[in-house]
């Protein structure tokens, strides 16, 4: 049957949409002008996403920032703060490690005059590990300390956001994600004791004819990285000229669910795997796969204006 070939996530979306069809049509015909057109576009976007996994323009509720208090930020105005950040899969300031199709090394990090972090992917003939592609990943994991100064940062619940420009070209997977060491446990209870929450990732085709061009996807992973691993992709969502302009990507996380955002507009919400109930730390990275061999834009940079973490105001009041 055709339905047997539809992924469960899309089938659930179809079921929900089908049940709401008559109500939606009634609502459409009760509207006029621009409101009618906006709702009509959103309606057909949802059908496209459900049937063909097409990206959609975020259209749901705007985030209410009044419920949050800023508790952590790095504007990258003072360079690389190694009391907060250190290498992800890279075990020291000058360490180099192979990662997929590239080597990761701190030399790929630089800063702009106006206070932005850059993780640059480039091919180097004389790199620290020899000829090859070079990139980097950096984390705030407080449970590891390679330089004697690292304190890191982790947080339970809140809203986490990055403002960035995505790198251009094939084979690149820029990401902003949250993680805990509990994600590596062999036997887990879903995501409750450890999860990976991908606030931002991209496809690696970088083809202007691709249906995923100028879009990102958001995912929750649970149950470690072995045979028991499970994931739920929340969908693909358009940003605004993301390879040339700054966009924001965020997730609000509470004891009931994760709520994802692009430019402050909700994209999806889920409690997949059971919501994580332990602190998560932050990661910025640019993965590289074999498609990078066709990348005509190298060197290409992931430019990050800031990373911020907010806590729910009510939780802070209750704690006090």
C-alpha atoms as a PDB file:
ATOM      1  CA  UNK A   1       0.000   0.000   0.000  1.00  0.00           C
ATOM      2  CA  UNK A   2       1.063   3.600  -0.619  1.00  0.00           C
ATOM      3  CA  UNK A   3       0.608   4.463   3.063  1.00  0.00           C
ATOM      4  CA  UNK A   4       3.048   1.725   4.050  1.00  0.00           C
ATOM      5  CA  UNK A   5       5.795   3.646   2.235  1.00  0.00           C
ATOM      6  CA  UNK A   6       5.167   6.941   4.018  1.00  0.00           C
ATOM      7  CA  UNK A   7       7.428   7.581   7.055  1.00  0.00           C
ATOM      8  CA  UNK A   8       5.539   7.584  10.364  1.00  0.00           C
ATOM      9  CA  UNK A   9       6.280  11.271  10.982  1.00  0.00           C
ATOM     10  CA  UNK A  10       4.733  12.281   7.664  1.00  0.00           C
ATOM     11  CA  UNK A  11       1.843   9.831   8.079  1.00  0.00           C
ATOM     12  CA  UNK A  12       1.012  11.385  11.440  1.00  0.00           C
ATOM     13  CA  UNK A  13       1.094  14.810   9.832  1.00  0.00           C
ATOM     14  CA  UNK A  14      -1.243  13.622   7.055  1.00  0.00           C
ATOM     15  CA  UNK A  15      -3.685  12.186   9.572  1.00  0.00           C
ATOM     16  CA  UNK A  16      -3.727  15.411  11.546  1.00  0.00           C
ATOM     17  CA  UNK A  17      -4.096  17.511   8.432  1.00  0.00           C
ATOM     18  CA  UNK A  18      -6.856  15.342   7.036  1.00  0.00           C
ATOM     19  CA  UNK A  19      -8.824  15.642  10.255  1.00  0.00           C
ATOM     20  CA  UNK A  20      -8.495  19.419  10.162  1.00  0.00           C
ATOM     21  CA  UNK A  21      -9.296  19.814   6.463  1.00  0.00           C
ATOM     22  CA  UNK A  22     -12.956  20.793   6.747  1.00  0.00           C
ATOM     23  CA  UNK A  23     -12.337  23.202   9.613  1.00  0.00           C
ATOM     24  CA  UNK A  24      -9.441  24.774   7.730  1.00  0.00           C
ATOM     25  CA  UNK A  25     -11.490  25.246   4.576  1.00  0.00           C
ATOM     26  CA  UNK A  26     -14.251  26.889   6.574  1.00  0.00           C
ATOM     27  CA  UNK A  27     -11.712  29.202   8.148  1.00  0.00           C
ATOM     28  CA  UNK A  28     -10.237  30.033   4.757  1.00  0.00           C
ATOM     29  CA  UNK A  29     -13.521  31.067   3.250  1.00  0.00           C
ATOM     30  CA  UNK A  30     -14.319  33.194   6.287  1.00  0.00           C
ATOM     31  CA  UNK A  31     -11.233  35.332   5.669  1.00  0.00           C
ATOM     32  CA  UNK A  32     -10.479  38.021   3.138  1.00  0.00           C
ATOM     33  CA  UNK A  33      -7.495  39.374   1.252  1.00  0.00           C
ATOM     34  CA  UNK A  34      -3.991  38.864   2.635  1.00  0.00           C
ATOM     35  CA  UNK A  35      -5.141  36.789   5.609  1.00  0.00           C
ATOM     36  CA  UNK A  36      -6.842  34.373   3.232  1.00  0.00           C
ATOM     37  CA  UNK A  37      -3.738  34.056   1.061  1.00  0.00           C
ATOM     38  CA  UNK A  38      -1.412  33.611   4.037  1.00  0.00           C
ATOM     39  CA  UNK A  39      -3.490  30.819   5.517  1.00  0.00           C
ATOM     40  CA  UNK A  40      -3.891  29.202   2.116  1.00  0.00           C
ATOM     41  CA  UNK A  41      -0.106  29.206   1.559  1.00  0.00           C
ATOM     42  CA  UNK A  42       0.497  27.746   5.019  1.00  0.00           C
ATOM     43  CA  UNK A  43      -2.108  25.051   4.385  1.00  0.00           C
ATOM     44  CA  UNK A  44      -0.510  23.864   1.143  1.00  0.00           C
ATOM     45  CA  UNK A  45       2.971  24.105   2.661  1.00  0.00           C
ATOM     46  CA  UNK A  46       1.875  21.588   5.269  1.00  0.00           C
ATOM     47  CA  UNK A  47       0.555  19.208   2.650  1.00  0.00           C
ATOM     48  CA  UNK A  48       3.827  19.508   0.736  1.00  0.00           C
ATOM     49  CA  UNK A  49       5.826  18.787   3.878  1.00  0.00           C
ATOM     50  CA  UNK A  50       3.666  15.803   4.781  1.00  0.00           C
ATOM     51  CA  UNK A  51       3.553  14.222   1.325  1.00  0.00           C
ATOM     52  CA  UNK A  52       6.964  15.084  -0.123  1.00  0.00           C
ATOM     53  CA  UNK A  53       9.064  16.177   2.878  1.00  0.00           C
ATOM     54  CA  UNK A  54       9.317  19.659   1.364  1.00  0.00           C
ATOM     55  CA  UNK A  55      10.706  22.523   3.476  1.00  0.00           C
ATOM     56  CA  UNK A  56       8.223  25.042   4.809  1.00  0.00           C
ATOM     57  CA  UNK A  57       8.509  28.678   5.757  1.00  0.00           C
ATOM     58  CA  UNK A  58       8.056  28.980   9.537  1.00  0.00           C
ATOM     59  CA  UNK A  59       4.541  30.284  10.160  1.00  0.00           C
ATOM     60  CA  UNK A  60       3.512  29.328  13.695  1.00  0.00           C
ATOM     61  CA  UNK A  61       3.654  31.389  16.889  1.00  0.00           C
ATOM     62  CA  UNK A  62       6.413  33.895  17.561  1.00  0.00           C
ATOM     63  CA  UNK A  63       8.432  33.207  20.671  1.00  0.00           C
ATOM     64  CA  UNK A  64       7.521  35.166  23.798  1.00  0.00           C
ATOM     65  CA  UNK A  65      10.897  36.268  25.159  1.00  0.00           C
ATOM     66  CA  UNK A  66       9.312  37.846  28.232  1.00  0.00           C
ATOM     67  CA  UNK A  67       9.204  34.394  29.828  1.00  0.00           C
ATOM     68  CA  UNK A  68      13.018  34.112  29.710  1.00  0.00           C
ATOM     69  CA  UNK A  69      16.028  35.688  31.407  1.00  0.00           C
ATOM     70  CA  UNK A  70      19.442  35.757  29.691  1.00  0.00           C
ATOM     71  CA  UNK A  71      21.882  33.674  31.767  1.00  0.00           C
ATOM     72  CA  UNK A  72      24.720  32.924  29.322  1.00  0.00           C
ATOM     73  CA  UNK A  73      26.034  34.551  26.166  1.00  0.00           C
ATOM     74  CA  UNK A  74      29.152  34.624  24.063  1.00  0.00           C
ATOM     75  CA  UNK A  75      29.288  37.495  21.568  1.00  0.00           C
ATOM     76  CA  UNK A  76      32.819  36.443  20.522  1.00  0.00           C
ATOM     77  CA  UNK A  77      34.057  40.024  20.903  1.00  0.00           C
ATOM     78  CA  UNK A  78      37.058  38.815  22.918  1.00  0.00           C
ATOM     79  CA  UNK A  79      38.136  35.876  20.796  1.00  0.00           C
ATOM     80  CA  UNK A  80      38.166  32.252  21.901  1.00  0.00           C
ATOM     81  CA  UNK A  81      37.337  31.937  25.603  1.00  0.00           C
ATOM     82  CA  UNK A  82      39.009  28.647  26.491  1.00  0.00           C
ATOM     83  CA  UNK A  83      37.486  28.694  29.967  1.00  0.00           C
ATOM     84  CA  UNK A  84      34.132  28.141  28.213  1.00  0.00           C
ATOM     85  CA  UNK A  85      34.943  26.484  24.866  1.00  0.00           C
ATOM     86  CA  UNK A  86      37.274  23.667  23.888  1.00  0.00           C
ATOM     87  CA  UNK A  87      37.556  21.236  21.004  1.00  0.00           C
ATOM     88  CA  UNK A  88      34.771  18.765  20.277  1.00  0.00           C
ATOM     89  CA  UNK A  89      36.471  15.473  19.335  1.00  0.00           C
ATOM     90  CA  UNK A  90      39.692  17.504  19.520  1.00  0.00           C
ATOM     91  CA  UNK A  91      41.645  16.973  22.716  1.00  0.00           C
ATOM     92  CA  UNK A  92      43.732  20.082  23.232  1.00  0.00           C
ATOM     93  CA  UNK A  93      44.393  23.551  21.889  1.00  0.00           C
ATOM     94  CA  UNK A  94      46.761  22.333  19.165  1.00  0.00           C
ATOM     95  CA  UNK A  95      45.394  18.809  18.704  1.00  0.00           C
ATOM     96  CA  UNK A  96      44.295  17.541  15.283  1.00  0.00           C
ATOM     97  CA  UNK A  97      41.813  14.707  14.847  1.00  0.00           C
ATOM     98  CA  UNK A  98      40.295  13.056  11.753  1.00  0.00           C
ATOM     99  CA  UNK A  99      36.533  13.520  11.588  1.00  0.00           C
ATOM    100  CA  UNK A 100      34.615  12.047   8.635  1.00  0.00           C
ATOM    101  CA  UNK A 101      36.208  13.563   5.501  1.00  0.00           C
ATOM    102  CA  UNK A 102      38.229  16.270   7.257  1.00  0.00           C
ATOM    103  CA  UNK A 103      40.686  16.958  10.029  1.00  0.00           C
ATOM    104  CA  UNK A 104      39.535  19.146  12.910  1.00  0.00           C
ATOM    105  CA  UNK A 105      42.014  21.690  14.250  1.00  0.00           C
ATOM    106  CA  UNK A 106      41.756  24.973  16.205  1.00  0.00           C
ATOM    107  CA  UNK A 107      43.576  26.830  13.424  1.00  0.00           C
ATOM    108  CA  UNK A 108      40.267  26.857  11.530  1.00  0.00           C
ATOM    109  CA  UNK A 109      38.828  29.284  14.106  1.00  0.00           C
ATOM    110  CA  UNK A 110      39.213  33.029  13.575  1.00  0.00           C
ATOM    111  CA  UNK A 111      37.331  36.209  14.422  1.00  0.00           C
ATOM    112  CA  UNK A 112      36.076  39.152  12.387  1.00  0.00           C
ATOM    113  CA  UNK A 113      36.692  42.805  13.261  1.00  0.00           C
ATOM    114  CA  UNK A 114      33.027  43.236  14.172  1.00  0.00           C
ATOM    115  CA  UNK A 115      33.079  40.385  16.704  1.00  0.00           C
ATOM    116  CA  UNK A 116      31.990  37.226  14.913  1.00  0.00           C
ATOM    117  CA  UNK A 117      33.397  33.732  15.246  1.00  0.00           C
ATOM    118  CA  UNK A 118      34.412  31.988  12.009  1.00  0.00           C
ATOM    119  CA  UNK A 119      34.907  28.253  11.574  1.00  0.00           C
ATOM    120  CA  UNK A 120      36.460  27.992   8.125  1.00  0.00           C
ATOM    121  CA  UNK A 121      36.565  24.834   6.025  1.00  0.00           C
ATOM    122  CA  UNK A 122      39.515  24.773   3.657  1.00  0.00           C
ATOM    123  CA  UNK A 123      41.762  22.387   1.766  1.00  0.00           C
ATOM    124  CA  UNK A 124      45.358  22.608   2.952  1.00  0.00           C
ATOM    125  CA  UNK A 125      48.355  21.039   1.277  1.00  0.00           C
ATOM    126  CA  UNK A 126      50.499  21.596   4.365  1.00  0.00           C
ATOM    127  CA  UNK A 127      47.972  21.213   7.184  1.00  0.00           C
ATOM    128  CA  UNK A 128      48.947  19.947  10.661  1.00  0.00           C
ATOM    129  CA  UNK A 129      48.110  16.370   9.632  1.00  0.00           C
ATOM    130  CA  UNK A 130      49.198  16.749   6.020  1.00  0.00           C
ATOM    131  CA  UNK A 131      47.198  17.466   2.894  1.00  0.00           C
ATOM    132  CA  UNK A 132      43.436  17.401   3.321  1.00  0.00           C
ATOM    133  CA  UNK A 133      40.282  19.269   4.263  1.00  0.00           C
ATOM    134  CA  UNK A 134      40.259  21.028   7.620  1.00  0.00           C
ATOM    135  CA  UNK A 135      37.366  22.119   9.857  1.00  0.00           C
ATOM    136  CA  UNK A 136      36.549  22.339  13.561  1.00  0.00           C
ATOM    137  CA  UNK A 137      33.993  21.656  16.272  1.00  0.00           C
ATOM    138  CA  UNK A 138      33.871  23.329  19.704  1.00  0.00           C
ATOM    139  CA  UNK A 139      31.901  22.571  22.852  1.00  0.00           C
ATOM    140  CA  UNK A 140      31.183  23.823  26.372  1.00  0.00           C
ATOM    141  CA  UNK A 141      31.264  20.366  28.010  1.00  0.00           C
ATOM    142  CA  UNK A 142      32.155  21.028  31.679  1.00  0.00           C
ATOM    143  CA  UNK A 143      33.099  17.388  32.286  1.00  0.00           C
ATOM    144  CA  UNK A 144      36.342  17.526  30.291  1.00  0.00           C
ATOM    145  CA  UNK A 145      39.301  19.819  30.798  1.00  0.00           C
ATOM    146  CA  UNK A 146      42.235  19.636  28.383  1.00  0.00           C
ATOM    147  CA  UNK A 147      44.034  22.868  29.283  1.00  0.00           C
ATOM    148  CA  UNK A 148      43.605  23.180  33.036  1.00  0.00           C
ATOM    149  CA  UNK A 149      41.437  26.324  32.719  1.00  0.00           C
ATOM    150  CA  UNK A 150      38.279  24.996  31.144  1.00  0.00           C
ATOM    151  CA  UNK A 151      35.076  25.308  33.185  1.00  0.00           C
ATOM    152  CA  UNK A 152      32.556  24.960  30.359  1.00  0.00           C
ATOM    153  CA  UNK A 153      28.844  25.581  30.554  1.00  0.00           C
ATOM    154  CA  UNK A 154      25.744  23.413  30.733  1.00  0.00           C
ATOM    155  CA  UNK A 155      22.122  24.156  31.532  1.00  0.00           C
ATOM    156  CA  UNK A 156      18.887  22.369  32.377  1.00  0.00           C
ATOM    157  CA  UNK A 157      15.895  23.774  30.435  1.00  0.00           C
ATOM    158  CA  UNK A 158      15.594  27.215  28.880  1.00  0.00           C
ATOM    159  CA  UNK A 159      15.896  28.765  25.437  1.00  0.00           C
ATOM    160  CA  UNK A 160      19.081  28.365  23.386  1.00  0.00           C
ATOM    161  CA  UNK A 161      19.822  30.413  20.268  1.00  0.00           C
ATOM    162  CA  UNK A 162      22.544  31.004  17.693  1.00  0.00           C
ATOM    163  CA  UNK A 163      22.733  33.877  15.188  1.00  0.00           C
ATOM    164  CA  UNK A 164      24.819  32.927  12.193  1.00  0.00           C
ATOM    165  CA  UNK A 165      25.548  32.831   8.468  1.00  0.00           C
ATOM    166  CA  UNK A 166      25.887  29.359   6.967  1.00  0.00           C
ATOM    167  CA  UNK A 167      28.932  28.258   4.925  1.00  0.00           C
ATOM    168  CA  UNK A 168      28.506  27.857   1.190  1.00  0.00           C
ATOM    169  CA  UNK A 169      29.114  24.806  -0.917  1.00  0.00           C
ATOM    170  CA  UNK A 170      28.635  21.061  -1.094  1.00  0.00           C
ATOM    171  CA  UNK A 171      29.767  18.642   1.574  1.00  0.00           C
ATOM    172  CA  UNK A 172      29.382  20.969   4.560  1.00  0.00           C
ATOM    173  CA  UNK A 173      27.157  20.373   7.592  1.00  0.00           C
ATOM    174  CA  UNK A 174      27.193  23.399   9.933  1.00  0.00           C
ATOM    175  CA  UNK A 175      25.457  22.700  13.227  1.00  0.00           C
ATOM    176  CA  UNK A 176      24.431  24.174  16.554  1.00  0.00           C
ATOM    177  CA  UNK A 177      23.450  21.425  18.962  1.00  0.00           C
ATOM    178  CA  UNK A 178      22.971  20.467  22.599  1.00  0.00           C
ATOM    179  CA  UNK A 179      24.385  17.292  24.125  1.00  0.00           C
ATOM    180  CA  UNK A 180      25.145  15.471  27.361  1.00  0.00           C
ATOM    181  CA  UNK A 181      27.636  12.697  28.062  1.00  0.00           C
ATOM    182  CA  UNK A 182      24.683  10.543  29.111  1.00  0.00           C
ATOM    183  CA  UNK A 183      23.814  10.214  25.429  1.00  0.00           C
ATOM    184  CA  UNK A 184      26.614   7.647  25.150  1.00  0.00           C
ATOM    185  CA  UNK A 185      25.087   5.268  27.732  1.00  0.00           C
ATOM    186  CA  UNK A 186      24.578   1.760  26.338  1.00  0.00           C
ATOM    187  CA  UNK A 187      21.218   1.330  28.041  1.00  0.00           C
ATOM    188  CA  UNK A 188      19.158   4.486  28.181  1.00  0.00           C
ATOM    189  CA  UNK A 189      15.593   5.401  29.042  1.00  0.00           C
ATOM    190  CA  UNK A 190      14.968   7.260  25.835  1.00  0.00           C
ATOM    191  CA  UNK A 191      16.086  10.864  26.080  1.00  0.00           C
ATOM    192  CA  UNK A 192      15.355  11.354  29.785  1.00  0.00           C
ATOM    193  CA  UNK A 193      18.925  10.711  30.963  1.00  0.00           C
ATOM    194  CA  UNK A 194      20.676  11.824  27.795  1.00  0.00           C
ATOM    195  CA  UNK A 195      19.765  13.288  24.426  1.00  0.00           C
ATOM    196  CA  UNK A 196      21.161  15.146  21.431  1.00  0.00           C
ATOM    197  CA  UNK A 197      19.102  18.137  20.338  1.00  0.00           C
ATOM    198  CA  UNK A 198      20.074  19.525  16.929  1.00  0.00           C
ATOM    199  CA  UNK A 199      18.880  23.118  16.763  1.00  0.00           C
ATOM    200  CA  UNK A 200      20.439  23.693  13.348  1.00  0.00           C
ATOM    201  CA  UNK A 201      21.789  21.436  10.617  1.00  0.00           C
ATOM    202  CA  UNK A 202      21.830  21.596   6.835  1.00  0.00           C
ATOM    203  CA  UNK A 203      21.912  19.138   3.979  1.00  0.00           C
ATOM    204  CA  UNK A 204      25.218  18.729   2.160  1.00  0.00           C
ATOM    205  CA  UNK A 205      24.113  18.940  -1.497  1.00  0.00           C
ATOM    206  CA  UNK A 206      24.103  22.742  -1.818  1.00  0.00           C
ATOM    207  CA  UNK A 207      22.275  22.554  -5.130  1.00  0.00           C
ATOM    208  CA  UNK A 208      20.115  25.542  -6.037  1.00  0.00           C
ATOM    209  CA  UNK A 209      17.764  23.119  -7.773  1.00  0.00           C
ATOM    210  CA  UNK A 210      17.445  20.968  -4.647  1.00  0.00           C
ATOM    211  CA  UNK A 211      14.218  21.195  -2.684  1.00  0.00           C
ATOM    212  CA  UNK A 212      16.319  21.683   0.454  1.00  0.00           C
ATOM    213  CA  UNK A 213      18.289  24.712  -0.760  1.00  0.00           C
ATOM    214  CA  UNK A 214      18.192  27.599   1.757  1.00  0.00           C
ATOM    215  CA  UNK A 215      16.572  25.370   4.374  1.00  0.00           C
ATOM    216  CA  UNK A 216      17.730  23.739   7.610  1.00  0.00           C
ATOM    217  CA  UNK A 217      16.497  20.769   9.599  1.00  0.00           C
ATOM    218  CA  UNK A 218      16.055  20.155  13.327  1.00  0.00           C
ATOM    219  CA  UNK A 219      16.303  16.788  15.085  1.00  0.00           C
ATOM    220  CA  UNK A 220      16.150  14.990  18.425  1.00  0.00           C
ATOM    221  CA  UNK A 221      18.348  11.886  18.968  1.00  0.00           C
ATOM    222  CA  UNK A 222      18.030   9.437  21.880  1.00  0.00           C
ATOM    223  CA  UNK A 223      19.287   6.027  23.068  1.00  0.00           C
ATOM    224  CA  UNK A 224      23.016   6.406  22.417  1.00  0.00           C
ATOM    225  CA  UNK A 225      24.690   5.910  19.042  1.00  0.00           C
ATOM    226  CA  UNK A 226      24.586   2.137  18.679  1.00  0.00           C
ATOM    227  CA  UNK A 227      21.917  -0.277  17.533  1.00  0.00           C
ATOM    228  CA  UNK A 228      19.321   1.200  19.914  1.00  0.00           C
ATOM    229  CA  UNK A 229      19.702   4.726  18.497  1.00  0.00           C
ATOM    230  CA  UNK A 230      16.509   6.537  17.510  1.00  0.00           C
ATOM    231  CA  UNK A 231      15.915   9.957  15.998  1.00  0.00           C
ATOM    232  CA  UNK A 232      13.036  12.188  15.006  1.00  0.00           C
ATOM    233  CA  UNK A 233      13.595  14.864  12.366  1.00  0.00           C
ATOM    234  CA  UNK A 234      11.185  17.721  13.012  1.00  0.00           C
ATOM    235  CA  UNK A 235      11.234  18.818   9.381  1.00  0.00           C
ATOM    236  CA  UNK A 236      13.005  21.165   6.969  1.00  0.00           C
ATOM    237  CA  UNK A 237      12.464  24.896   7.356  1.00  0.00           C
ATOM    238  CA  UNK A 238      13.413  27.866   5.195  1.00  0.00           C
ATOM    239  CA  UNK A 239      15.640  30.621   6.486  1.00  0.00           C
ATOM    240  CA  UNK A 240      16.139  33.996   4.758  1.00  0.00           C
ATOM    241  CA  UNK A 241      19.108  33.918   2.348  1.00  0.00           C
ATOM    242  CA  UNK A 242      21.037  31.968   5.028  1.00  0.00           C
ATOM    243  CA  UNK A 243      24.368  31.793   3.135  1.00  0.00           C
ATOM    244  CA  UNK A 244      24.629  35.575   2.984  1.00  0.00           C
ATOM    245  CA  UNK A 245      22.501  36.914   5.830  1.00  0.00           C
ATOM    246  CA  UNK A 246      22.305  36.318   9.568  1.00  0.00           C
ATOM    247  CA  UNK A 247      19.398  34.203  10.778  1.00  0.00           C
ATOM    248  CA  UNK A 248      18.608  32.922  14.260  1.00  0.00           C
ATOM    249  CA  UNK A 249      17.918  29.292  15.148  1.00  0.00           C
ATOM    250  CA  UNK A 250      16.695  28.283  18.576  1.00  0.00           C
ATOM    251  CA  UNK A 251      15.042  25.721  20.812  1.00  0.00           C
ATOM    252  CA  UNK A 252      12.984  26.198  23.967  1.00  0.00           C
ATOM    253  CA  UNK A 253      13.278  23.178  26.256  1.00  0.00           C
ATOM    254  CA  UNK A 254      11.168  22.484  29.299  1.00  0.00           C
ATOM    255  CA  UNK A 255      10.109  19.393  31.237  1.00  0.00           C
ATOM    256  CA  UNK A 256       7.249  18.755  28.795  1.00  0.00           C
ATOM    257  CA  UNK A 257       8.694  19.334  25.306  1.00  0.00           C
ATOM    258  CA  UNK A 258      11.186  20.872  22.906  1.00  0.00           C
ATOM    259  CA  UNK A 259       9.944  23.802  20.800  1.00  0.00           C
ATOM    260  CA  UNK A 260      12.074  24.716  17.786  1.00  0.00           C
ATOM    261  CA  UNK A 261      12.352  28.129  16.110  1.00  0.00           C
ATOM    262  CA  UNK A 262      13.792  29.887  13.064  1.00  0.00           C
ATOM    263  CA  UNK A 263      14.041  33.676  13.351  1.00  0.00           C
ATOM    264  CA  UNK A 264      11.866  33.570  16.442  1.00  0.00           C
ATOM    265  CA  UNK A 265       8.993  31.771  14.712  1.00  0.00           C
ATOM    266  CA  UNK A 266       8.020  28.288  15.881  1.00  0.00           C
ATOM    267  CA  UNK A 267       8.772  25.448  13.458  1.00  0.00           C
ATOM    268  CA  UNK A 268       7.937  22.326  15.478  1.00  0.00           C
ATOM    269  CA  UNK A 269       7.473  20.894  18.945  1.00  0.00           C
ATOM    270  CA  UNK A 270       7.971  17.380  20.293  1.00  0.00           C
ATOM    271  CA  UNK A 271       8.512  15.241  23.391  1.00  0.00           C
ATOM    272  CA  UNK A 272      10.154  12.471  21.361  1.00  0.00           C
ATOM    273  CA  UNK A 273      11.947   9.877  23.448  1.00  0.00           C
ATOM    274  CA  UNK A 274      10.911  11.489  26.690  1.00  0.00           C
ATOM    275  CA  UNK A 275      12.213  14.989  27.324  1.00  0.00           C
ATOM    276  CA  UNK A 276      15.771  15.181  28.663  1.00  0.00           C
ATOM    277  CA  UNK A 277      15.937  15.955  32.396  1.00  0.00           C
ATOM    278  CA  UNK A 278      19.671  16.498  32.789  1.00  0.00           C
ATOM    279  CA  UNK A 279      21.759  19.545  31.789  1.00  0.00           C
ATOM    280  CA  UNK A 280      22.990  19.853  28.209  1.00  0.00           C
ATOM    281  CA  UNK A 281      26.096  21.623  26.923  1.00  0.00           C
ATOM    282  CA  UNK A 282      26.508  23.565  23.654  1.00  0.00           C
ATOM    283  CA  UNK A 283      28.321  22.630  20.448  1.00  0.00           C
ATOM    284  CA  UNK A 284      29.211  24.565  17.276  1.00  0.00           C
ATOM    285  CA  UNK A 285      30.687  22.541  14.431  1.00  0.00           C
ATOM    286  CA  UNK A 286      31.041  22.136  10.681  1.00  0.00           C
ATOM    287  CA  UNK A 287      30.980  18.530   9.555  1.00  0.00           C
ATOM    288  CA  UNK A 288      32.484  17.607   6.193  1.00  0.00           C
ATOM    289  CA  UNK A 289      31.612  14.673   3.941  1.00  0.00           C
ATOM    290  CA  UNK A 290      32.857  13.373   0.590  1.00  0.00           C
ATOM    291  CA  UNK A 291      30.721  15.833  -1.395  1.00  0.00           C
ATOM    292  CA  UNK A 292      33.204  18.551  -0.402  1.00  0.00           C
ATOM    293  CA  UNK A 293      35.329  17.466  -3.373  1.00  0.00           C
ATOM    294  CA  UNK A 294      32.820  19.330  -5.570  1.00  0.00           C
ATOM    295  CA  UNK A 295      32.721  22.470  -3.423  1.00  0.00           C
ATOM    296  CA  UNK A 296      33.668  25.492  -5.538  1.00  0.00           C
ATOM    297  CA  UNK A 297      33.366  27.969  -2.657  1.00  0.00           C
ATOM    298  CA  UNK A 298      36.261  26.845  -0.464  1.00  0.00           C
ATOM    299  CA  UNK A 299      37.476  28.250   1.811  1.00  0.00           C
ATOM    300  CA  UNK A 300      33.975  28.639   3.247  1.00  0.00           C
ATOM    301  CA  UNK A 301      33.099  29.897   6.727  1.00  0.00           C
ATOM    302  CA  UNK A 302      30.408  29.296   9.331  1.00  0.00           C
ATOM    303  CA  UNK A 303      30.069  32.827  10.769  1.00  0.00           C
ATOM    304  CA  UNK A 304      28.558  33.037  14.252  1.00  0.00           C
ATOM    305  CA  UNK A 305      27.498  36.396  15.711  1.00  0.00           C
ATOM    306  CA  UNK A 306      26.480  35.003  19.096  1.00  0.00           C
ATOM    307  CA  UNK A 307      25.367  32.024  21.138  1.00  0.00           C
ATOM    308  CA  UNK A 308      22.896  32.713  23.947  1.00  0.00           C
ATOM    309  CA  UNK A 309      21.142  30.706  26.636  1.00  0.00           C
ATOM    310  CA  UNK A 310      18.107  31.937  28.545  1.00  0.00           C
ATOM    311  CA  UNK A 311      16.388  30.414  31.550  1.00  0.00           C
ATOM    312  CA  UNK A 312      12.671  30.380  32.234  1.00  0.00           C
ATOM    313  CA  UNK A 313      11.905  33.304  34.505  1.00  0.00           C
ATOM    314  CA  UNK A 314       9.585  31.165  36.646  1.00  0.00           C
ATOM    315  CA  UNK A 315      12.315  28.586  37.263  1.00  0.00           C
ATOM    316  CA  UNK A 316      14.736  31.265  38.416  1.00  0.00           C
ATOM    317  CA  UNK A 317      12.129  32.735  40.778  1.00  0.00           C
ATOM    318  CA  UNK A 318      11.332  29.289  42.173  1.00  0.00           C
ATOM    319  CA  UNK A 319      15.026  28.573  42.686  1.00  0.00           C
ATOM    320  CA  UNK A 320      15.488  31.803  44.632  1.00  0.00           C
END
